[in-house]
Amino acid sequence: MTVRVRVAPSPTGLFHVGTARIALQNWIFAKQHGGVLVLRVEDTDASRNQPEWVDAIYSAMSWLGITPDQYEGPYLQSSYAAEHHAATEKLAASGQTYFCDCTRDMVQARTGSQHQGYDGFCRQRGLTAGPGRALRFRTPDSGETRIVDLIRGEPAFDNALMEDFVIARADGSAVFLLANVVDDASMGITHVIRGEDHLSNTPKQQLLWQALGYEPPVWAHLPLIVNEQRRKLSKRRDKVALESYRDEGYLPETMRNYLMLLGWAPSGDREIVPWSVIEEEFRIEDVNPSPAFFDLQKLRAFNGEYLRALPVEQFVAACQPWLVGTETIPAPPWQPADFDPAAFAEVAPLAQSRVAVLAEIVPNVDFLFLAEPVTDEGSWSKAMKAGSAELLDDAIEAYQELSPWRAEELKATTEQVGAARGLKLGKAQAPIRVAVTGRTVGLPLFESMAVLGRERTLARLRAARSRLS
């Protein structure tokens, strides 16, 4: 039997990091077993689907490294409407369904609770198809439904506690529970690896697999991903879109590594490991079923490590979208003609050791490519204390004749300027840094001044001195 797994996102928004983890683990599982990964776009929710979100799915998958040559498809769930209808007809013919016209309010009025499930009111009414009448599956009155789950063992569900659930709307279209089963069966899916939030659906879907005469798949339900309050990640309150991290400057290698650690760990006391190690060592059976914390600070630290490990030329290439702007990344504050690739290449090694995400490259180097630095007023107030004007005067005079114009000589000269006024280097360079770069923190000052050049450096010092007058 060929192992066939699938990832089945809906085009109702940006690509969720939870979906990204599911895609990665299905991808690895398929590779390990010589199987096939299927991409299915579940696009049957017409009220929420948007064509651009379909394209976003393909783009996000490719960014992760799961390119079209790595999967079968994509298939659109909407193209399987005939199969969905045939399944409802088959279930109806076998007496396993019935029509129901109960609204949620009617059920609540009968049961006295909005949390209690459907009470089976229409089981014996003999309704036929018609407006406002959904089709329900008749669940067994006794026994249990046991599933095989590679992560959670063999959980069992009491059939008597399972409500008769809707499988088709009044217009005949299949709902998720049925469509998902029919699609998986039609595509020969052997293992369903998905999020824990679907675990409650699983006994219902297994009943459908069996009622339709199919062999149920092996299941694996990955742990929930939670935020720092240990609440399930939600797009309403958390940053969950993979595209947001991509456009902030996280590397795909970082995201792949980090997402795989949500519920699993490689051997030894390691977390940052090559993808080849993850592919070799990952076992779905080793995934911890407990909720996994999506730690933004840890992810950020991971990305910094990945960035620092890049060869400088690769780091320079990775920065390019933020240096020029793209459809999803804002253009930098300088004019394209003012950007100097050679100057950027000189400071790139300095920036590489300081940024944690690639979007931070712009505020670190903007002073090189703007006519005037963007001055942070808080930094100005902090650095420009009493005596700063006189210190700037001394620095301007000392720098005018400095030769050669290199970082070592700039540092030594600034030390001398500061010492003449009883200041250590840290205090002496603070107003100079803000005058030159606009901020109190950033790239090493003297290397930055060396790249900026004598004339532009002096012009900025004079402008700052004039402001202090």
Protein backbone atom coordinates (compact mmCIF):
# COMPACT_ATOMS: atom_id res chain seq x y z
CA MET A 1 0.00 0.00 0.00
CA THR A 2 1.34 3.40 -0.97
CA VAL A 3 1.17 5.92 1.85
CA ARG A 4 -0.85 8.96 0.81
CA VAL A 5 -1.24 11.98 3.06
CA ARG A 6 -2.73 15.38 2.43
CA VAL A 7 -2.75 18.98 3.48
CA ALA A 8 -6.15 20.60 2.97
CA PRO A 9 -6.22 24.36 3.69
CA SER A 10 -9.24 26.58 3.04
CA PRO A 11 -8.81 29.79 1.00
CA THR A 12 -10.47 32.00 3.61
CA GLY A 13 -7.45 34.03 4.73
CA LEU A 14 -3.69 34.07 4.97
CA PHE A 15 -1.79 30.82 5.56
CA HIS A 16 -1.93 29.91 9.27
CA VAL A 17 1.30 28.84 11.00
CA GLY A 18 -0.63 25.83 12.30
CA THR A 19 -1.41 24.81 8.73
CA ALA A 20 2.26 25.29 7.89
CA ARG A 21 3.25 22.85 10.65
CA ILE A 22 0.68 20.33 9.40
CA ALA A 23 2.01 20.68 5.86
CA LEU A 24 5.61 20.15 6.96
CA GLN A 25 4.85 17.05 9.02
CA ASN A 26 2.73 15.50 6.28
CA TRP A 27 5.52 16.25 3.80
CA ILE A 28 8.14 14.54 5.95
CA PHE A 29 5.86 11.58 6.69
CA ALA A 30 5.29 11.04 2.98
CA LYS A 31 9.02 11.22 2.25
CA GLN A 32 9.90 8.79 5.03
CA HIS A 33 7.44 6.20 3.75
CA GLY A 34 8.05 6.63 0.05
CA GLY A 35 4.56 8.05 -0.21
CA VAL A 36 2.71 10.94 -1.77
CA LEU A 37 1.70 14.32 -0.39
CA VAL A 38 -1.58 15.64 -1.83
CA LEU A 39 -2.56 19.31 -1.77
CA ARG A 40 -6.30 19.86 -1.69
CA VAL A 41 -7.83 23.33 -1.48
CA GLU A 42 -11.12 23.11 0.42
CA ASP A 43 -12.91 25.91 -1.41
CA THR A 44 -16.58 25.01 -0.88
CA ASP A 45 -17.34 27.86 1.56
CA ALA A 46 -18.34 30.26 -1.22
CA SER A 47 -19.23 33.08 1.17
CA ARG A 48 -15.66 33.28 2.53
CA ASN A 49 -13.44 32.03 -0.29
CA GLN A 50 -11.35 34.50 -2.28
CA PRO A 51 -9.24 33.68 -5.36
CA GLU A 52 -6.26 35.57 -3.95
CA TRP A 53 -6.26 33.28 -0.91
CA VAL A 54 -5.92 30.27 -3.21
CA ASP A 55 -2.80 31.84 -4.70
CA ALA A 56 -1.60 32.63 -1.17
CA ILE A 57 -1.74 28.91 -0.32
CA TYR A 58 0.53 28.01 -3.23
CA SER A 59 2.90 30.89 -2.42
CA ALA A 60 3.16 30.02 1.27
CA MET A 61 3.77 26.35 0.53
CA SER A 62 6.53 27.23 -1.93
CA TRP A 63 8.15 29.62 0.55
CA LEU A 64 8.32 26.77 3.06
CA GLY A 65 10.06 24.67 0.44
CA ILE A 66 7.07 22.52 -0.51
CA THR A 67 7.11 23.40 -4.18
CA PRO A 68 4.67 22.00 -6.80
CA ASP A 69 7.11 19.22 -7.70
CA GLN A 70 6.84 18.01 -4.09
CA TYR A 71 3.11 17.28 -4.05
CA GLU A 72 0.25 15.91 -6.11
CA GLY A 73 -2.39 18.41 -7.10
CA PRO A 74 -3.54 20.95 -6.27
CA TYR A 75 -7.10 19.67 -6.29
CA LEU A 76 -10.11 21.87 -5.61
CA GLN A 77 -12.75 20.43 -3.31
CA SER A 78 -15.44 22.19 -5.33
CA SER A 79 -14.65 19.92 -8.28
CA TYR A 80 -15.79 16.90 -6.26
CA ALA A 81 -19.40 18.06 -5.86
CA ALA A 82 -20.69 15.09 -7.88
CA GLU A 83 -18.89 12.65 -5.58
CA HIS A 84 -20.32 14.42 -2.52
CA HIS A 85 -23.84 14.16 -3.92
CA ALA A 86 -23.39 10.49 -4.78
CA ALA A 87 -22.30 9.84 -1.17
CA THR A 88 -25.42 11.50 0.25
CA GLU A 89 -27.57 9.43 -2.10
CA LYS A 90 -25.82 6.23 -1.03
CA LEU A 91 -26.26 7.01 2.66
CA ALA A 92 -29.91 7.94 2.16
CA ALA A 93 -30.60 4.73 0.23
CA SER A 94 -29.19 2.67 3.09
CA GLY A 95 -31.47 4.38 5.62
CA GLN A 96 -28.64 6.03 7.50
CA THR A 97 -29.85 9.60 7.06
CA TYR A 98 -32.98 11.68 7.53
CA PHE A 99 -34.10 15.23 6.80
CA CYS A 100 -34.44 17.77 9.58
CA ASP A 101 -35.94 21.27 9.63
CA CYS A 102 -34.94 22.17 13.20
CA THR A 103 -33.22 25.49 13.76
CA ARG A 104 -30.70 26.08 16.52
CA ASP A 105 -33.30 28.09 18.47
CA MET A 106 -35.83 25.27 18.21
CA VAL A 107 -33.33 22.74 19.56
CA GLN A 108 -32.37 25.06 22.40
CA ALA A 109 -36.02 25.61 23.29
CA ARG A 110 -36.55 21.86 23.56
CA THR A 111 -33.35 21.03 25.43
CA GLY A 112 -33.15 24.17 27.55
CA SER A 113 -29.45 24.60 26.76
CA GLN A 114 -27.46 26.14 23.93
CA HIS A 115 -24.62 23.74 24.69
CA GLN A 116 -26.54 20.48 24.38
CA GLY A 117 -26.37 18.74 21.01
CA TYR A 118 -29.16 17.87 18.66
CA ASP A 119 -31.89 15.80 20.35
CA GLY A 120 -32.96 13.58 17.43
CA PHE A 121 -36.36 15.24 17.15
CA CYS A 122 -36.76 14.55 13.40
CA ARG A 123 -35.56 10.95 13.43
CA GLN A 124 -39.05 9.48 13.02
CA ARG A 125 -40.85 12.37 11.30
CA GLY A 126 -40.23 11.07 7.77
CA LEU A 127 -39.49 14.47 6.26
CA THR A 128 -38.49 14.70 2.63
CA ALA A 129 -36.11 17.12 0.96
CA GLY A 130 -37.25 20.72 0.91
CA PRO A 131 -36.34 24.30 1.75
CA GLY A 132 -34.76 24.64 5.17
CA ARG A 133 -34.28 20.88 5.56
CA ALA A 134 -30.77 19.64 6.17
CA LEU A 135 -29.70 16.01 5.90
CA ARG A 136 -28.51 14.37 9.13
CA PHE A 137 -26.55 11.17 9.65
CA ARG A 138 -28.17 8.69 12.03
CA THR A 139 -25.48 7.79 14.58
CA PRO A 140 -25.56 4.39 16.36
CA ASP A 141 -27.53 4.31 19.62
CA SER A 142 -25.03 2.10 21.42
CA GLY A 143 -21.48 0.86 21.31
CA GLU A 144 -18.36 2.93 20.78
CA THR A 145 -16.27 4.25 17.93
CA ARG A 146 -12.58 3.58 18.42
CA ILE A 147 -9.97 5.33 16.29
CA VAL A 148 -6.31 4.50 15.69
CA ASP A 149 -4.27 7.65 16.36
CA LEU A 150 -0.48 7.56 15.97
CA ILE A 151 -0.09 10.29 18.61
CA ARG A 152 -2.93 9.56 21.03
CA GLY A 153 -3.21 5.78 20.96
CA GLU A 154 -6.73 4.39 20.44
CA PRO A 155 -9.23 6.80 22.00
CA ALA A 156 -12.82 5.50 22.14
CA PHE A 157 -16.00 7.56 21.82
CA ASP A 158 -19.39 6.55 23.21
CA ASN A 159 -21.84 6.48 20.31
CA ALA A 160 -24.79 7.25 22.58
CA LEU A 161 -23.21 10.63 23.36
CA MET A 162 -22.77 11.52 19.69
CA GLU A 163 -25.52 13.63 18.14
CA ASP A 164 -27.04 12.96 14.74
CA PHE A 165 -24.92 15.40 12.76
CA VAL A 166 -25.63 17.32 9.55
CA ILE A 167 -23.87 16.04 6.43
CA ALA A 168 -25.61 18.15 3.74
CA ARG A 169 -27.27 21.54 3.66
CA ALA A 170 -30.82 22.15 2.45
CA ASP A 171 -29.47 23.00 -1.01
CA GLY A 172 -27.85 19.56 -1.18
CA SER A 173 -24.26 20.71 -0.79
CA ALA A 174 -22.09 18.62 1.51
CA VAL A 175 -20.78 20.11 4.75
CA PHE A 176 -17.17 19.70 5.89
CA LEU A 177 -17.64 16.40 7.71
CA LEU A 178 -18.90 14.55 4.64
CA ALA A 179 -16.96 16.41 1.95
CA ASN A 180 -13.72 15.81 3.81
CA VAL A 181 -14.37 12.06 4.03
CA VAL A 182 -15.43 11.70 0.41
CA ASP A 183 -12.44 13.68 -0.82
CA ASP A 184 -9.98 11.67 1.27
CA ALA A 185 -11.51 8.39 0.11
CA SER A 186 -11.56 9.52 -3.53
CA MET A 187 -7.91 10.51 -3.33
CA GLY A 188 -6.83 7.31 -1.59
CA ILE A 189 -5.63 9.03 1.57
CA THR A 190 -4.23 6.44 3.97
CA HIS A 191 -3.13 8.67 6.87
CA VAL A 192 -4.78 11.87 8.07
CA ILE A 193 -2.32 14.05 9.99
CA ARG A 194 -4.04 17.21 11.19
CA GLY A 195 -4.60 19.48 14.20
CA GLU A 196 -6.10 18.46 17.52
CA ASP A 197 -9.03 20.81 16.94
CA HIS A 198 -10.40 18.18 14.53
CA LEU A 199 -10.20 15.34 17.03
CA SER A 200 -13.86 15.76 18.03
CA ASN A 201 -14.84 15.36 14.36
CA THR A 202 -12.93 12.13 13.96
CA PRO A 203 -15.44 9.60 15.36
CA LYS A 204 -18.17 11.15 13.20
CA GLN A 205 -15.98 10.98 10.13
CA GLN A 206 -14.91 7.43 10.87
CA LEU A 207 -18.57 6.45 11.04
CA LEU A 208 -19.03 8.02 7.61
CA TRP A 209 -16.00 6.18 6.20
CA GLN A 210 -17.49 2.91 7.40
CA ALA A 211 -21.05 3.72 6.31
CA LEU A 212 -19.79 4.45 2.79
CA GLY A 213 -17.92 1.15 2.70
CA TYR A 214 -14.40 2.59 2.93
CA GLU A 215 -11.49 1.49 5.10
CA PRO A 216 -10.88 4.39 7.54
CA PRO A 217 -7.45 6.01 7.48
CA VAL A 218 -4.92 6.00 10.28
CA TRP A 219 -5.24 9.25 12.21
CA ALA A 220 -2.69 11.51 13.89
CA HIS A 221 -3.84 14.63 15.69
CA LEU A 222 -1.09 17.17 16.35
CA PRO A 223 -1.18 19.18 19.59
CA LEU A 224 -2.79 22.58 19.71
CA ILE A 225 -0.50 25.58 19.25
CA VAL A 226 -1.07 28.07 22.08
CA ASN A 227 0.06 31.61 22.90
CA GLU A 228 1.77 32.81 26.09
CA GLN A 229 -1.60 32.80 27.91
CA ARG A 230 -1.87 29.12 26.88
CA ARG A 231 -4.86 29.93 24.72
CA LYS A 232 -5.22 28.48 21.24
CA LEU A 233 -3.63 30.72 18.62
CA SER A 234 -6.30 32.90 17.08
CA LYS A 235 -6.05 35.20 14.08
CA ARG A 236 -8.20 37.69 15.99
CA ARG A 237 -5.62 38.23 18.74
CA ASP A 238 -2.34 36.59 17.65
CA LYS A 239 0.03 36.94 14.73
CA VAL A 240 -0.69 33.65 12.97
CA ALA A 241 -0.22 34.36 9.26
CA LEU A 242 2.89 32.74 7.81
CA GLU A 243 3.09 35.63 5.33
CA SER A 244 3.45 38.11 8.20
CA TYR A 245 6.60 36.36 9.38
CA ARG A 246 7.90 36.06 5.84
CA ASP A 247 7.44 39.79 5.20
CA GLU A 248 9.00 40.69 8.54
CA GLY A 249 12.14 38.90 7.49
CA TYR A 250 12.07 35.44 8.98
CA LEU A 251 13.90 32.89 6.89
CA PRO A 252 12.01 29.82 5.66
CA GLU A 253 14.73 27.67 7.20
CA THR A 254 13.97 29.23 10.58
CA MET A 255 10.24 28.68 10.28
CA ARG A 256 10.63 25.08 9.19
CA ASN A 257 12.96 24.30 12.07
CA TYR A 258 10.86 26.11 14.68
CA LEU A 259 7.48 24.78 13.58
CA MET A 260 8.77 21.22 13.72
CA LEU A 261 9.72 21.76 17.37
CA LEU A 262 6.11 22.44 18.37
CA GLY A 263 5.48 19.12 20.06
CA TRP A 264 8.64 17.31 18.98
CA ALA A 265 12.40 17.56 19.52
CA PRO A 266 15.46 16.13 17.76
CA SER A 267 17.91 13.93 19.62
CA GLY A 268 20.36 15.36 22.09
CA ASP A 269 20.26 18.78 23.67
CA ARG A 270 19.67 20.49 20.32
CA GLU A 271 17.00 22.68 18.81
CA ILE A 272 18.59 24.40 15.83
CA VAL A 273 19.47 21.56 13.49
CA PRO A 274 19.75 21.09 9.71
CA TRP A 275 16.57 20.12 7.90
CA SER A 276 18.21 16.88 6.84
CA VAL A 277 18.46 15.90 10.51
CA ILE A 278 14.80 16.69 11.07
CA GLU A 279 13.80 14.63 8.05
CA GLU A 280 15.83 11.72 9.32
CA GLU A 281 14.86 11.81 13.00
CA PHE A 282 11.24 12.96 13.02
CA ARG A 283 8.71 10.32 13.98
CA ILE A 284 5.02 11.17 14.15
CA GLU A 285 4.67 8.69 17.04
CA ASP A 286 7.12 10.78 19.09
CA VAL A 287 5.01 13.94 18.95
CA ASN A 288 3.89 15.03 22.42
CA PRO A 289 0.09 15.46 22.55
CA SER A 290 0.28 18.32 25.07
CA PRO A 291 -0.34 21.89 23.81
CA ALA A 292 2.72 23.49 22.21
CA PHE A 293 3.69 27.08 23.09
CA PHE A 294 4.40 29.36 20.13
CA ASP A 295 7.16 31.44 21.70
CA LEU A 296 7.73 34.58 19.63
CA GLN A 297 10.92 35.51 21.50
CA LYS A 298 12.38 32.07 20.88
CA LEU A 299 11.43 32.23 17.20
CA ARG A 300 13.10 35.62 16.93
CA ALA A 301 16.26 34.29 18.57
CA PHE A 302 16.23 31.31 16.20
CA ASN A 303 16.07 33.62 13.22
CA GLY A 304 18.98 35.70 14.50
CA GLU A 305 21.04 32.52 14.75
CA TYR A 306 20.11 31.50 11.22
CA LEU A 307 20.94 34.96 9.86
CA ARG A 308 24.35 35.03 11.54
CA ALA A 309 25.15 31.60 10.10
CA LEU A 310 24.64 32.77 6.51
CA PRO A 311 27.66 33.52 4.33
CA VAL A 312 27.82 37.30 3.96
CA GLU A 313 26.95 37.20 0.26
CA GLN A 314 23.81 35.17 1.07
CA PHE A 315 22.89 37.63 3.80
CA VAL A 316 23.25 40.51 1.32
CA ALA A 317 21.01 38.66 -1.15
CA ALA A 318 18.44 37.90 1.55
CA CYS A 319 18.24 41.61 2.43
CA GLN A 320 17.41 42.73 -1.10
CA PRO A 321 13.57 42.72 -0.82
CA TRP A 322 13.79 45.13 2.12
CA LEU A 323 16.33 47.33 0.38
CA VAL A 324 14.14 47.86 -2.70
CA GLY A 325 10.59 46.96 -1.61
CA THR A 326 8.15 44.45 -3.11
CA GLU A 327 4.39 44.02 -3.44
CA THR A 328 4.17 43.00 0.21
CA ILE A 329 7.27 44.68 1.69
CA PRO A 330 7.23 48.50 1.95
CA ALA A 331 9.76 50.46 -0.07
CA PRO A 332 12.66 51.83 2.02
CA PRO A 333 12.73 55.56 2.87
CA TRP A 334 15.51 56.41 0.41
CA GLN A 335 15.26 57.00 -3.32
CA PRO A 336 16.35 54.01 -5.44
CA ALA A 337 19.07 56.08 -7.09
CA ASP A 338 20.57 56.92 -3.70
CA PHE A 339 21.13 53.30 -2.72
CA ASP A 340 24.80 52.29 -2.99
CA PRO A 341 25.25 48.49 -3.18
CA ALA A 342 28.98 48.79 -2.51
CA ALA A 343 28.38 50.79 0.68
CA PHE A 344 25.79 48.30 1.82
CA ALA A 345 28.16 45.41 1.17
CA GLU A 346 30.74 47.12 3.41
CA VAL A 347 28.39 47.39 6.39
CA ALA A 348 26.50 44.13 5.79
CA PRO A 349 28.76 42.05 8.07
CA LEU A 350 28.23 44.60 10.85
CA ALA A 351 24.46 44.52 10.41
CA GLN A 352 24.35 40.74 10.11
CA SER A 353 25.51 40.32 13.69
CA ARG A 354 22.87 42.71 15.03
CA VAL A 355 19.55 42.09 13.27
CA ALA A 356 17.15 39.34 14.30
CA VAL A 357 14.78 39.77 11.34
CA LEU A 358 15.56 41.14 7.91
CA ALA A 359 13.11 44.05 8.22
CA GLU A 360 15.49 45.52 10.82
CA ILE A 361 18.10 46.09 8.14
CA VAL A 362 16.44 49.30 6.95
CA PRO A 363 16.65 51.33 10.20
CA ASN A 364 20.20 50.07 10.65
CA VAL A 365 21.49 51.39 7.33
CA ASP A 366 19.09 54.15 6.28
CA PHE A 367 21.53 56.88 7.41
CA LEU A 368 23.88 55.81 4.59
CA PHE A 369 21.38 56.40 1.80
CA LEU A 370 19.39 59.41 2.99
CA ALA A 371 20.44 63.01 2.43
CA GLU A 372 19.88 63.60 6.15
CA PRO A 373 19.50 61.03 8.91
CA VAL A 374 16.07 60.38 10.39
CA THR A 375 16.63 61.78 13.87
CA ASP A 376 14.91 60.08 16.76
CA GLU A 377 13.96 62.88 19.12
CA GLY A 378 14.30 60.67 22.17
CA SER A 379 17.85 59.84 21.12
CA TRP A 380 18.59 63.52 20.49
CA SER A 381 17.39 64.54 23.96
CA LYS A 382 19.37 61.76 25.59
CA ALA A 383 22.65 62.46 23.81
CA MET A 384 22.72 66.25 23.37
CA LYS A 385 23.56 67.34 26.91
CA ALA A 386 25.42 70.39 28.16
CA GLY A 387 28.81 70.58 26.47
CA SER A 388 27.71 68.66 23.40
CA ALA A 389 28.01 71.71 21.15
CA GLU A 390 31.62 72.28 22.16
CA LEU A 391 32.44 68.61 21.75
CA LEU A 392 30.97 68.65 18.24
CA ASP A 393 33.10 71.72 17.44
CA ASP A 394 36.22 69.85 18.53
CA ALA A 395 35.24 66.75 16.57
CA ILE A 396 34.60 68.75 13.39
CA GLU A 397 38.00 70.40 13.67
CA ALA A 398 39.79 67.11 14.36
CA TYR A 399 38.06 65.22 11.58
CA GLN A 400 38.70 67.86 8.91
CA GLU A 401 42.36 66.98 8.54
CA LEU A 402 42.19 63.34 9.58
CA SER A 403 44.06 61.01 7.25
CA PRO A 404 43.52 58.26 6.43
CA TRP A 405 39.75 58.30 6.89
CA ARG A 406 39.41 54.88 8.46
CA ALA A 407 37.59 53.42 11.45
CA GLU A 408 40.75 52.96 13.52
CA GLU A 409 41.86 56.57 13.10
CA LEU A 410 38.31 57.87 13.69
CA LYS A 411 38.10 55.97 16.95
CA ALA A 412 41.52 57.15 18.17
CA THR A 413 40.76 60.77 17.25
CA THR A 414 37.38 60.66 19.01
CA GLU A 415 39.07 59.25 22.12
CA GLN A 416 41.46 62.22 22.08
CA VAL A 417 38.62 64.71 21.59
CA GLY A 418 36.73 63.21 24.52
CA ALA A 419 39.76 62.97 26.79
CA ALA A 420 40.46 66.69 26.28
CA ARG A 421 37.07 67.33 27.89
CA GLY A 422 37.39 64.67 30.55
CA LEU A 423 35.08 62.19 28.76
CA LYS A 424 35.52 58.50 28.10
CA LEU A 425 34.89 57.25 24.59
CA GLY A 426 31.31 56.11 25.29
CA LYS A 427 30.25 59.57 26.44
CA ALA A 428 32.20 61.37 23.75
CA GLN A 429 30.80 59.41 20.85
CA ALA A 430 27.11 59.64 21.93
CA PRO A 431 26.36 63.09 20.43
CA ILE A 432 28.47 62.27 17.38
CA ARG A 433 26.49 59.08 16.78
CA VAL A 434 23.13 60.86 16.97
CA ALA A 435 24.38 63.65 14.70
CA VAL A 436 25.61 61.14 12.10
CA THR A 437 22.99 58.35 12.28
CA GLY A 438 20.02 59.95 14.05
CA ARG A 439 19.95 57.30 16.80
CA THR A 440 21.79 56.30 19.97
CA VAL A 441 22.06 52.66 18.89
CA GLY A 442 22.98 51.04 15.61
CA LEU A 443 25.97 49.78 13.69
CA PRO A 444 29.48 50.44 15.07
CA LEU A 445 29.94 54.18 14.79
CA PHE A 446 33.43 54.50 13.40
CA GLU A 447 33.00 51.84 10.74
CA SER A 448 29.76 53.61 9.76
CA MET A 449 31.50 56.98 9.52
CA ALA A 450 34.25 55.45 7.41
CA VAL A 451 31.68 54.21 4.88
CA LEU A 452 29.64 57.42 5.02
CA GLY A 453 32.72 59.44 4.08
CA ARG A 454 34.36 62.60 5.37
CA GLU A 455 32.21 65.22 3.65
CA ARG A 456 28.83 63.72 4.56
CA THR A 457 29.97 63.06 8.12
CA LEU A 458 31.17 66.64 8.58
CA ALA A 459 27.98 68.02 7.01
CA ARG A 460 25.87 66.14 9.55
CA LEU A 461 28.02 67.21 12.48
CA ARG A 462 27.74 70.83 11.37
CA ALA A 463 23.94 70.52 10.99
CA ALA A 464 23.67 69.12 14.50
CA ARG A 465 25.95 71.85 15.84
CA SER A 466 23.76 74.48 14.20
CA ARG A 467 20.65 72.99 15.80
CA LEU A 468 22.32 73.29 19.22
CA SER A 469 23.05 76.99 18.71
